[in-house]
Amino acid sequence: QGPFSQELNEALIRQYHIEYLVTKDGGPAGGFAEKAAA
């Protein structure tokens, strides 16, 4: 359950060797900027 920081998103990307992050534009309240930055 969110919200998720950029740091947590990056940690998940590294942990699971992610190559593609799929998202909707949830706006600031939906944590989109943190996902894009990660």
Full PDB file with SEQRES, HELIX, SHEET, SSBOND, CRYST1, ORIGX, SCALE, CONECT and MASTER records, all heavy atoms in Angstrom:
SEQRES   1 A   38  GLN GLY PRO PHE SER GLN GLU LEU ASN GLU ALA LEU ILE          
SEQRES   2 A   38  ARG GLN TYR HIS ILE GLU TYR LEU VAL THR LYS ASP GLY          
SEQRES   3 A   38  GLY PRO ALA GLY GLY PHE ALA GLU LYS ALA ALA ALA              
HELIX    1 AA1 GLN A    6  GLN A   15  1                                  10    
HELIX    2 AA2 PRO A   28  GLY A   30  5                                   3    
HELIX    3 AA3 PHE A   32  ALA A   37  1                                   6    
CRYST1    1.000    1.000    1.000  90.00  90.00  90.00 P 1           1          
ORIGX1      1.000000  0.000000  0.000000        0.00000                         
ORIGX2      0.000000  1.000000  0.000000        0.00000                         
ORIGX3      0.000000  0.000000  1.000000        0.00000                         
SCALE1      1.000000  0.000000  0.000000        0.00000                         
SCALE2      0.000000  1.000000  0.000000        0.00000                         
SCALE3      0.000000  0.000000  1.000000        0.00000                         
ATOM      1  N   GLN A   1       0.844  -1.196   0.000  1.00  0.00           N  
ATOM      2  CA  GLN A   1       0.000   0.000   0.000  1.00  0.00           C  
ATOM      3  C   GLN A   1       0.879   1.245   0.000  1.00  0.00           C  
ATOM      4  O   GLN A   1       1.794   1.357   0.803  1.00  0.00           O  
ATOM      5  CB  GLN A   1      -0.915   0.005   1.232  1.00  0.00           C  
ATOM      6  CG  GLN A   1      -1.808   1.236   1.329  1.00  0.00           C  
ATOM      7  CD  GLN A   1      -2.710   1.190   2.554  1.00  0.00           C  
ATOM      8  OE1 GLN A   1      -2.931   0.123   3.118  1.00  0.00           O  
ATOM      9  NE2 GLN A   1      -3.214   2.335   2.965  1.00  0.00           N  
ATOM     10  N   GLY A   2       0.599   2.175  -0.944  1.00  0.00           N  
ATOM     11  CA  GLY A   2       1.381   3.390  -1.052  1.00  0.00           C  
ATOM     12  C   GLY A   2       1.050   4.385   0.039  1.00  0.00           C  
ATOM     13  O   GLY A   2       0.272   4.087   0.950  1.00  0.00           O  
ATOM     14  N   PRO A   3       1.634   5.579  -0.023  1.00  0.00           N  
ATOM     15  CA  PRO A   3       2.415   6.107  -1.154  1.00  0.00           C  
ATOM     16  C   PRO A   3       3.834   5.529  -1.203  1.00  0.00           C  
ATOM     17  O   PRO A   3       4.352   5.050  -0.199  1.00  0.00           O  
ATOM     18  CB  PRO A   3       2.443   7.614  -0.875  1.00  0.00           C  
ATOM     19  CG  PRO A   3       2.336   7.715   0.614  1.00  0.00           C  
ATOM     20  CD  PRO A   3       1.437   6.591   1.031  1.00  0.00           C  
ATOM     21  N   PHE A   4       4.438   5.593  -2.415  1.00  0.00           N  
ATOM     22  CA  PHE A   4       5.761   5.037  -2.635  1.00  0.00           C  
ATOM     23  C   PHE A   4       6.728   6.154  -3.012  1.00  0.00           C  
ATOM     24  O   PHE A   4       6.470   6.923  -3.931  1.00  0.00           O  
ATOM     25  CB  PHE A   4       5.718   4.001  -3.755  1.00  0.00           C  
ATOM     26  CG  PHE A   4       4.735   2.881  -3.490  1.00  0.00           C  
ATOM     27  CD1 PHE A   4       3.501   2.880  -4.114  1.00  0.00           C  
ATOM     28  CD2 PHE A   4       5.051   1.862  -2.615  1.00  0.00           C  
ATOM     29  CE1 PHE A   4       2.591   1.855  -3.866  1.00  0.00           C  
ATOM     30  CE2 PHE A   4       4.149   0.841  -2.358  1.00  0.00           C  
ATOM     31  CZ  PHE A   4       2.917   0.833  -2.984  1.00  0.00           C  
ATOM     32  N   SER A   5       7.832   6.211  -2.336  1.00  0.00           N  
ATOM     33  CA  SER A   5       8.852   7.214  -2.627  1.00  0.00           C  
ATOM     34  C   SER A   5       9.653   6.810  -3.860  1.00  0.00           C  
ATOM     35  O   SER A   5       9.615   5.650  -4.299  1.00  0.00           O  
ATOM     36  CB  SER A   5       9.801   7.363  -1.436  1.00  0.00           C  
ATOM     37  OG  SER A   5      10.527   6.155  -1.249  1.00  0.00           O  
ATOM     38  N   GLN A   6      10.401   7.752  -4.397  1.00  0.00           N  
ATOM     39  CA  GLN A   6      11.299   7.432  -5.505  1.00  0.00           C  
ATOM     40  C   GLN A   6      12.306   6.368  -5.069  1.00  0.00           C  
ATOM     41  O   GLN A   6      12.616   5.437  -5.829  1.00  0.00           O  
ATOM     42  CB  GLN A   6      12.043   8.681  -5.975  1.00  0.00           C  
ATOM     43  CG  GLN A   6      13.059   8.400  -7.089  1.00  0.00           C  
ATOM     44  CD  GLN A   6      13.830   9.634  -7.533  1.00  0.00           C  
ATOM     45  OE1 GLN A   6      13.364  10.754  -7.347  1.00  0.00           O  
ATOM     46  NE2 GLN A   6      15.005   9.437  -8.100  1.00  0.00           N  
ATOM     47  N   GLU A   7      12.791   6.483  -3.839  1.00  0.00           N  
ATOM     48  CA  GLU A   7      13.791   5.540  -3.343  1.00  0.00           C  
ATOM     49  C   GLU A   7      13.234   4.118  -3.285  1.00  0.00           C  
ATOM     50  O   GLU A   7      13.926   3.155  -3.649  1.00  0.00           O  
ATOM     51  CB  GLU A   7      14.273   5.975  -1.956  1.00  0.00           C  
ATOM     52  CG  GLU A   7      15.109   7.224  -1.932  1.00  0.00           C  
ATOM     53  CD  GLU A   7      14.287   8.508  -2.107  1.00  0.00           C  
ATOM     54  OE1 GLU A   7      13.038   8.456  -1.948  1.00  0.00           O  
ATOM     55  OE2 GLU A   7      14.889   9.547  -2.400  1.00  0.00           O  
ATOM     56  N   LEU A   8      11.991   3.972  -2.842  1.00  0.00           N  
ATOM     57  CA  LEU A   8      11.395   2.636  -2.774  1.00  0.00           C  
ATOM     58  C   LEU A   8      11.167   2.085  -4.174  1.00  0.00           C  
ATOM     59  O   LEU A   8      11.415   0.897  -4.437  1.00  0.00           O  
ATOM     60  CB  LEU A   8      10.074   2.679  -2.001  1.00  0.00           C  
ATOM     61  CG  LEU A   8       9.340   1.340  -1.872  1.00  0.00           C  
ATOM     62  CD1 LEU A   8      10.246   0.262  -1.314  1.00  0.00           C  
ATOM     63  CD2 LEU A   8       8.083   1.484  -1.022  1.00  0.00           C  
ATOM     64  N   ASN A   9      10.705   2.938  -5.082  1.00  0.00           N  
ATOM     65  CA  ASN A   9      10.534   2.489  -6.470  1.00  0.00           C  
ATOM     66  C   ASN A   9      11.868   2.008  -7.054  1.00  0.00           C  
ATOM     67  O   ASN A   9      11.931   0.967  -7.713  1.00  0.00           O  
ATOM     68  CB  ASN A   9       9.973   3.625  -7.326  1.00  0.00           C  
ATOM     69  CG  ASN A   9       8.496   3.866  -7.090  1.00  0.00           C  
ATOM     70  OD1 ASN A   9       7.704   2.926  -7.029  1.00  0.00           O  
ATOM     71  ND2 ASN A   9       8.105   5.126  -6.966  1.00  0.00           N  
ATOM     72  N   GLU A  10      12.919   2.758  -6.815  1.00  0.00           N  
ATOM     73  CA  GLU A  10      14.232   2.359  -7.325  1.00  0.00           C  
ATOM     74  C   GLU A  10      14.692   1.041  -6.701  1.00  0.00           C  
ATOM     75  O   GLU A  10      15.278   0.184  -7.380  1.00  0.00           O  
ATOM     76  CB  GLU A  10      15.262   3.448  -7.036  1.00  0.00           C  
ATOM     77  CG  GLU A  10      15.106   4.690  -7.884  1.00  0.00           C  
ATOM     78  CD  GLU A  10      16.238   5.677  -7.664  1.00  0.00           C  
ATOM     79  OE1 GLU A  10      17.410   5.231  -7.641  1.00  0.00           O  
ATOM     80  OE2 GLU A  10      15.965   6.876  -7.510  1.00  0.00           O  
ATOM     81  N   ALA A  11      14.401   0.869  -5.414  1.00  0.00           N  
ATOM     82  CA  ALA A  11      14.804  -0.367  -4.736  1.00  0.00           C  
ATOM     83  C   ALA A  11      14.099  -1.575  -5.345  1.00  0.00           C  
ATOM     84  O   ALA A  11      14.714  -2.634  -5.546  1.00  0.00           O  
ATOM     85  CB  ALA A  11      14.511  -0.269  -3.246  1.00  0.00           C  
ATOM     86  N   LEU A  12      12.822  -1.435  -5.649  1.00  0.00           N  
ATOM     87  CA  LEU A  12      12.077  -2.535  -6.272  1.00  0.00           C  
ATOM     88  C   LEU A  12      12.605  -2.834  -7.672  1.00  0.00           C  
ATOM     89  O   LEU A  12      12.693  -3.996  -8.076  1.00  0.00           O  
ATOM     90  CB  LEU A  12      10.593  -2.182  -6.324  1.00  0.00           C  
ATOM     91  CG  LEU A  12       9.858  -2.104  -4.981  1.00  0.00           C  
ATOM     92  CD1 LEU A  12       8.425  -1.621  -5.186  1.00  0.00           C  
ATOM     93  CD2 LEU A  12       9.868  -3.448  -4.274  1.00  0.00           C  
ATOM     94  N   ILE A  13      12.945  -1.785  -8.394  1.00  0.00           N  
ATOM     95  CA  ILE A  13      13.494  -1.956  -9.746  1.00  0.00           C  
ATOM     96  C   ILE A  13      14.790  -2.758  -9.687  1.00  0.00           C  
ATOM     97  O   ILE A  13      15.011  -3.689 -10.476  1.00  0.00           O  
ATOM     98  CB  ILE A  13      13.721  -0.579 -10.406  1.00  0.00           C  
ATOM     99  CG1 ILE A  13      12.368   0.069 -10.742  1.00  0.00           C  
ATOM    100  CG2 ILE A  13      14.583  -0.709 -11.662  1.00  0.00           C  
ATOM    101  CD1 ILE A  13      12.473   1.533 -11.141  1.00  0.00           C  
ATOM    102  N   ARG A  14      15.655  -2.412  -8.728  1.00  0.00           N  
ATOM    103  CA  ARG A  14      16.921  -3.135  -8.597  1.00  0.00           C  
ATOM    104  C   ARG A  14      16.702  -4.571  -8.111  1.00  0.00           C  
ATOM    105  O   ARG A  14      17.296  -5.520  -8.636  1.00  0.00           O  
ATOM    106  CB  ARG A  14      17.850  -2.397  -7.617  1.00  0.00           C  
ATOM    107  CG  ARG A  14      18.382  -1.069  -8.130  1.00  0.00           C  
ATOM    108  CD  ARG A  14      19.518  -0.592  -7.240  1.00  0.00           C  
ATOM    109  NE  ARG A  14      19.075  -0.431  -5.846  1.00  0.00           N  
ATOM    110  CZ  ARG A  14      18.584   0.700  -5.353  1.00  0.00           C  
ATOM    111  NH1 ARG A  14      18.460   1.789  -6.129  1.00  0.00           N  
ATOM    112  NH2 ARG A  14      18.220   0.778  -4.088  1.00  0.00           N  
ATOM    113  N   GLN A  15      15.848  -4.715  -7.105  1.00  0.00           N  
ATOM    114  CA  GLN A  15      15.631  -6.027  -6.494  1.00  0.00           C  
ATOM    115  C   GLN A  15      15.128  -7.055  -7.504  1.00  0.00           C  
ATOM    116  O   GLN A  15      15.565  -8.215  -7.490  1.00  0.00           O  
ATOM    117  CB  GLN A  15      14.616  -5.891  -5.350  1.00  0.00           C  
ATOM    118  CG  GLN A  15      14.177  -7.204  -4.703  1.00  0.00           C  
ATOM    119  CD  GLN A  15      15.270  -7.841  -3.870  1.00  0.00           C  
ATOM    120  OE1 GLN A  15      16.173  -7.149  -3.409  1.00  0.00           O  
ATOM    121  NE2 GLN A  15      15.188  -9.141  -3.685  1.00  0.00           N  
ATOM    122  N   TYR A  16      14.230  -6.614  -8.388  1.00  0.00           N  
ATOM    123  CA  TYR A  16      13.593  -7.557  -9.314  1.00  0.00           C  
ATOM    124  C   TYR A  16      14.087  -7.405 -10.753  1.00  0.00           C  
ATOM    125  O   TYR A  16      13.467  -7.935 -11.664  1.00  0.00           O  
ATOM    126  CB  TYR A  16      12.075  -7.389  -9.225  1.00  0.00           C  
ATOM    127  CG  TYR A  16      11.548  -7.745  -7.847  1.00  0.00           C  
ATOM    128  CD1 TYR A  16      11.161  -6.746  -6.951  1.00  0.00           C  
ATOM    129  CD2 TYR A  16      11.489  -9.067  -7.433  1.00  0.00           C  
ATOM    130  CE1 TYR A  16      10.705  -7.064  -5.679  1.00  0.00           C  
ATOM    131  CE2 TYR A  16      11.036  -9.392  -6.158  1.00  0.00           C  
ATOM    132  CZ  TYR A  16      10.651  -8.385  -5.284  1.00  0.00           C  
ATOM    133  OH  TYR A  16      10.213  -8.714  -4.012  1.00  0.00           O  
ATOM    134  N   HIS A  17      15.185  -6.690 -10.927  1.00  0.00           N  
ATOM    135  CA  HIS A  17      15.826  -6.566 -12.250  1.00  0.00           C  
ATOM    136  C   HIS A  17      14.798  -6.113 -13.306  1.00  0.00           C  
ATOM    137  O   HIS A  17      14.674  -6.714 -14.375  1.00  0.00           O  
ATOM    138  CB  HIS A  17      16.460  -7.895 -12.662  1.00  0.00           C  
ATOM    139  CG  HIS A  17      17.373  -8.472 -11.624  1.00  0.00           C  
ATOM    140  ND1 HIS A  17      18.593  -7.905 -11.319  1.00  0.00           N  
ATOM    141  CD2 HIS A  17      17.225  -9.538 -10.786  1.00  0.00           C  
ATOM    142  CE1 HIS A  17      19.180  -8.606 -10.356  1.00  0.00           C  
ATOM    143  NE2 HIS A  17      18.371  -9.597 -10.015  1.00  0.00           N  
ATOM    144  N   ILE A  18      14.105  -5.033 -12.974  1.00  0.00           N  
ATOM    145  CA  ILE A  18      13.041  -4.509 -13.835  1.00  0.00           C  
ATOM    146  C   ILE A  18      13.647  -3.754 -15.022  1.00  0.00           C  
ATOM    147  O   ILE A  18      14.609  -2.994 -14.874  1.00  0.00           O  
ATOM    148  CB  ILE A  18      12.111  -3.572 -13.028  1.00  0.00           C  
ATOM    149  CG1 ILE A  18      11.455  -4.326 -11.868  1.00  0.00           C  
ATOM    150  CG2 ILE A  18      11.067  -2.937 -13.936  1.00  0.00           C  
ATOM    151  CD1 ILE A  18      10.577  -5.489 -12.271  1.00  0.00           C  
ATOM    152  N   GLU A  19      13.056  -3.970 -16.206  1.00  0.00           N  
ATOM    153  CA  GLU A  19      13.461  -3.250 -17.409  1.00  0.00           C  
ATOM    154  C   GLU A  19      12.383  -2.291 -17.910  1.00  0.00           C  
ATOM    155  O   GLU A  19      12.678  -1.345 -18.645  1.00  0.00           O  
ATOM    156  CB  GLU A  19      13.786  -4.247 -18.526  1.00  0.00           C  
ATOM    157  CG  GLU A  19      14.966  -5.158 -18.230  1.00  0.00           C  
ATOM    158  CD  GLU A  19      16.282  -4.401 -18.173  1.00  0.00           C  
ATOM    159  OE1 GLU A  19      16.365  -3.310 -18.781  1.00  0.00           O  
ATOM    160  OE2 GLU A  19      17.214  -4.888 -17.502  1.00  0.00           O  
ATOM    161  N   TYR A  20      11.106  -2.529 -17.495  1.00  0.00           N  
ATOM    162  CA  TYR A  20       9.999  -1.692 -17.944  1.00  0.00           C  
ATOM    163  C   TYR A  20       9.070  -1.422 -16.762  1.00  0.00           C  
ATOM    164  O   TYR A  20       8.683  -2.342 -16.039  1.00  0.00           O  
ATOM    165  CB  TYR A  20       9.193  -2.380 -19.061  1.00  0.00           C  
ATOM    166  CG  TYR A  20      10.026  -2.689 -20.278  1.00  0.00           C  
ATOM    167  CD1 TYR A  20      10.696  -3.910 -20.381  1.00  0.00           C  
ATOM    168  CD2 TYR A  20      10.176  -1.760 -21.307  1.00  0.00           C  
ATOM    169  CE1 TYR A  20      11.488  -4.192 -21.474  1.00  0.00           C  
ATOM    170  CE2 TYR A  20      10.968  -2.038 -22.404  1.00  0.00           C  
ATOM    171  CZ  TYR A  20      11.627  -3.255 -22.479  1.00  0.00           C  
ATOM    172  OH  TYR A  20      12.416  -3.533 -23.565  1.00  0.00           O  
ATOM    173  N   LEU A  21       8.734  -0.143 -16.555  1.00  0.00           N  
ATOM    174  CA  LEU A  21       7.790   0.236 -15.508  1.00  0.00           C  
ATOM    175  C   LEU A  21       6.530   0.755 -16.189  1.00  0.00           C  
ATOM    176  O   LEU A  21       6.576   1.748 -16.917  1.00  0.00           O  
ATOM    177  CB  LEU A  21       8.396   1.310 -14.597  1.00  0.00           C  
ATOM    178  CG  LEU A  21       7.649   1.630 -13.295  1.00  0.00           C  
ATOM    179  CD1 LEU A  21       8.583   2.321 -12.303  1.00  0.00           C  
ATOM    180  CD2 LEU A  21       6.415   2.497 -13.506  1.00  0.00           C  
ATOM    181  N   VAL A  22       5.410   0.082 -15.939  1.00  0.00           N  
ATOM    182  CA  VAL A  22       4.138   0.455 -16.561  1.00  0.00           C  
ATOM    183  C   VAL A  22       3.292   1.187 -15.532  1.00  0.00           C  
ATOM    184  O   VAL A  22       3.097   0.705 -14.407  1.00  0.00           O  
ATOM    185  CB  VAL A  22       3.381  -0.788 -17.073  1.00  0.00           C  
ATOM    186  CG1 VAL A  22       2.108  -0.369 -17.798  1.00  0.00           C  
ATOM    187  CG2 VAL A  22       4.272  -1.615 -17.999  1.00  0.00           C  
ATOM    188  N   THR A  23       2.775   2.345 -15.915  1.00  0.00           N  
ATOM    189  CA  THR A  23       2.032   3.164 -14.973  1.00  0.00           C  
ATOM    190  C   THR A  23       0.905   3.923 -15.657  1.00  0.00           C  
ATOM    191  O   THR A  23       0.889   4.082 -16.873  1.00  0.00           O  
ATOM    192  CB  THR A  23       2.971   4.171 -14.281  1.00  0.00           C  
ATOM    193  OG1 THR A  23       2.222   4.946 -13.313  1.00  0.00           O  
ATOM    194  CG2 THR A  23       3.580   5.141 -15.298  1.00  0.00           C  
ATOM    195  N   LYS A  24      -0.031   4.371 -14.842  1.00  0.00           N  
ATOM    196  CA  LYS A  24      -1.030   5.345 -15.266  1.00  0.00           C  
ATOM    197  C   LYS A  24      -0.586   6.713 -14.746  1.00  0.00           C  
ATOM    198  O   LYS A  24       0.277   6.809 -13.871  1.00  0.00           O  
ATOM    199  CB  LYS A  24      -2.402   5.001 -14.688  1.00  0.00           C  
ATOM    200  CG  LYS A  24      -2.977   3.682 -15.179  1.00  0.00           C  
ATOM    201  CD  LYS A  24      -4.294   3.379 -14.476  1.00  0.00           C  
ATOM    202  CE  LYS A  24      -4.889   2.068 -14.957  1.00  0.00           C  
ATOM    203  NZ  LYS A  24      -6.138   1.715 -14.237  1.00  0.00           N  
ATOM    204  N   ASP A  25      -1.196   7.770 -15.276  1.00  0.00           N  
ATOM    205  CA  ASP A  25      -0.919   9.111 -14.769  1.00  0.00           C  
ATOM    206  C   ASP A  25      -1.859   9.380 -13.605  1.00  0.00           C  
ATOM    207  O   ASP A  25      -2.949   9.909 -13.776  1.00  0.00           O  
ATOM    208  CB  ASP A  25      -1.113  10.165 -15.871  1.00  0.00           C  
ATOM    209  CG  ASP A  25      -0.957  11.580 -15.327  1.00  0.00           C  
ATOM    210  OD1 ASP A  25      -0.467  11.735 -14.189  1.00  0.00           O  
ATOM    211  OD2 ASP A  25      -1.348  12.524 -16.039  1.00  0.00           O  
ATOM    212  N   GLY A  26      -1.423   8.977 -12.423  1.00  0.00           N  
ATOM    213  CA  GLY A  26      -2.225   9.212 -11.229  1.00  0.00           C  
ATOM    214  C   GLY A  26      -2.035  10.597 -10.654  1.00  0.00           C  
ATOM    215  O   GLY A  26      -2.613  10.912  -9.609  1.00  0.00           O  
ATOM    216  N   GLY A  27      -1.232  11.438 -11.320  1.00  0.00           N  
ATOM    217  CA  GLY A  27      -1.003  12.788 -10.828  1.00  0.00           C  
ATOM    218  C   GLY A  27      -0.138  12.790  -9.578  1.00  0.00           C  
ATOM    219  O   GLY A  27       0.344  11.746  -9.124  1.00  0.00           O  
ATOM    220  N   PRO A  28       0.055  13.964  -8.972  1.00  0.00           N  
ATOM    221  CA  PRO A  28       0.880  14.059  -7.761  1.00  0.00           C  
ATOM    222  C   PRO A  28       0.388  13.157  -6.633  1.00  0.00           C  
ATOM    223  O   PRO A  28       1.191  12.521  -5.949  1.00  0.00           O  
ATOM    224  CB  PRO A  28       0.765  15.545  -7.379  1.00  0.00           C  
ATOM    225  CG  PRO A  28       0.484  16.244  -8.674  1.00  0.00           C  
ATOM    226  CD  PRO A  28      -0.390  15.293  -9.452  1.00  0.00           C  
ATOM    227  N   ALA A  29      -0.931  13.083  -6.456  1.00  0.00           N  
ATOM    228  CA  ALA A  29      -1.472  12.259  -5.370  1.00  0.00           C  
ATOM    229  C   ALA A  29      -1.261  10.779  -5.620  1.00  0.00           C  
ATOM    230  O   ALA A  29      -1.230   9.980  -4.679  1.00  0.00           O  
ATOM    231  CB  ALA A  29      -2.965  12.545  -5.199  1.00  0.00           C  
ATOM    232  N   GLY A  30      -1.107  10.389  -6.884  1.00  0.00           N  
ATOM    233  CA  GLY A  30      -0.920   8.988  -7.227  1.00  0.00           C  
ATOM    234  C   GLY A  30       0.530   8.563  -7.336  1.00  0.00           C  
ATOM    235  O   GLY A  30       0.820   7.421  -7.723  1.00  0.00           O  
ATOM    236  N   GLY A  31       1.451   9.464  -7.023  1.00  0.00           N  
ATOM    237  CA  GLY A  31       2.862   9.107  -7.017  1.00  0.00           C  
ATOM    238  C   GLY A  31       3.493   8.968  -8.393  1.00  0.00           C  
ATOM    239  O   GLY A  31       4.524   8.308  -8.541  1.00  0.00           O  
ATOM    240  N   PHE A  32       2.902   9.622  -9.408  1.00  0.00           N  
ATOM    241  CA  PHE A  32       3.445   9.465 -10.763  1.00  0.00           C  
ATOM    242  C   PHE A  32       4.853  10.025 -10.871  1.00  0.00           C  
ATOM    243  O   PHE A  32       5.739   9.396 -11.480  1.00  0.00           O  
ATOM    244  CB  PHE A  32       2.539  10.152 -11.785  1.00  0.00           C  
ATOM    245  CG  PHE A  32       3.076  10.088 -13.185  1.00  0.00           C  
ATOM    246  CD1 PHE A  32       2.929   8.943 -13.950  1.00  0.00           C  
ATOM    247  CD2 PHE A  32       3.748  11.171 -13.746  1.00  0.00           C  
ATOM    248  CE1 PHE A  32       3.439   8.864 -15.237  1.00  0.00           C  
ATOM    249  CE2 PHE A  32       4.258  11.106 -15.031  1.00  0.00           C  
ATOM    250  CZ  PHE A  32       4.102   9.954 -15.779  1.00  0.00           C  
ATOM    251  N   ALA A  33       5.107  11.175 -10.304  1.00  0.00           N  
ATOM    252  CA  ALA A  33       6.427  11.804 -10.417  1.00  0.00           C  
ATOM    253  C   ALA A  33       7.508  10.916  -9.817  1.00  0.00           C  
ATOM    254  O   ALA A  33       8.618  10.806 -10.373  1.00  0.00           O  
ATOM    255  CB  ALA A  33       6.419  13.165  -9.717  1.00  0.00           C  
ATOM    256  N   GLU A  34       7.209  10.266  -8.701  1.00  0.00           N  
ATOM    257  CA  GLU A  34       8.184   9.392  -8.056  1.00  0.00           C  
ATOM    258  C   GLU A  34       8.497   8.170  -8.921  1.00  0.00           C  
ATOM    259  O   GLU A  34       9.644   7.716  -8.975  1.00  0.00           O  
ATOM    260  CB  GLU A  34       7.663   8.953  -6.680  1.00  0.00           C  
ATOM    261  CG  GLU A  34       7.647  10.044  -5.628  1.00  0.00           C  
ATOM    262  CD  GLU A  34       6.471  11.010  -5.763  1.00  0.00           C  
ATOM    263  OE1 GLU A  34       5.587  10.779  -6.626  1.00  0.00           O  
ATOM    264  OE2 GLU A  34       6.416  11.990  -4.997  1.00  0.00           O  
ATOM    265  N   LYS A  35       7.479   7.641  -9.590  1.00  0.00           N  
ATOM    266  CA  LYS A  35       7.715   6.499 -10.479  1.00  0.00           C  
ATOM    267  C   LYS A  35       8.538   6.910 -11.700  1.00  0.00           C  
ATOM    268  O   LYS A  35       9.474   6.206 -12.104  1.00  0.00           O  
ATOM    269  CB  LYS A  35       6.370   5.893 -10.902  1.00  0.00           C  
ATOM    270  CG  LYS A  35       5.678   5.122  -9.792  1.00  0.00           C  
ATOM    271  CD  LYS A  35       4.412   4.443 -10.264  1.00  0.00           C  
ATOM    272  CE  LYS A  35       3.242   5.361 -10.304  1.00  0.00           C  
ATOM    273  NZ  LYS A  35       1.955   4.643 -10.542  1.00  0.00           N  
ATOM    274  N   ALA A  36       8.179   8.043 -12.288  1.00  0.00           N  
ATOM    275  CA  ALA A  36       8.908   8.515 -13.464  1.00  0.00           C  
ATOM    276  C   ALA A  36      10.362   8.814 -13.123  1.00  0.00           C  
ATOM    277  O   ALA A  36      11.277   8.476 -13.895  1.00  0.00           O  
ATOM    278  CB  ALA A  36       8.230   9.758 -14.033  1.00  0.00           C  
ATOM    279  N   ALA A  37      10.581   9.429 -11.977  1.00  0.00           N  
ATOM    280  CA  ALA A  37      11.945   9.762 -11.570  1.00  0.00           C  
ATOM    281  C   ALA A  37      12.749   8.495 -11.302  1.00  0.00           C  
ATOM    282  O   ALA A  37      13.947   8.424 -11.626  1.00  0.00           O  
ATOM    283  CB  ALA A  37      11.927  10.648 -10.328  1.00  0.00           C  
ATOM    284  N   ALA A  38      12.112   7.492 -10.717  1.00  0.00           N  
ATOM    285  CA  ALA A  38      12.811   6.242 -10.427  1.00  0.00           C  
ATOM    286  C   ALA A  38      13.203   5.531 -11.716  1.00  0.00           C  
ATOM    287  O   ALA A  38      14.317   4.998 -11.834  1.00  0.00           O  
ATOM    288  CB  ALA A  38      11.925   5.342  -9.568  1.00  0.00           C  
TER     289      ALA A  38                                                      
MASTER        0    0    0    3    0    0    0    6  288    1    0    3          
END                                                                             
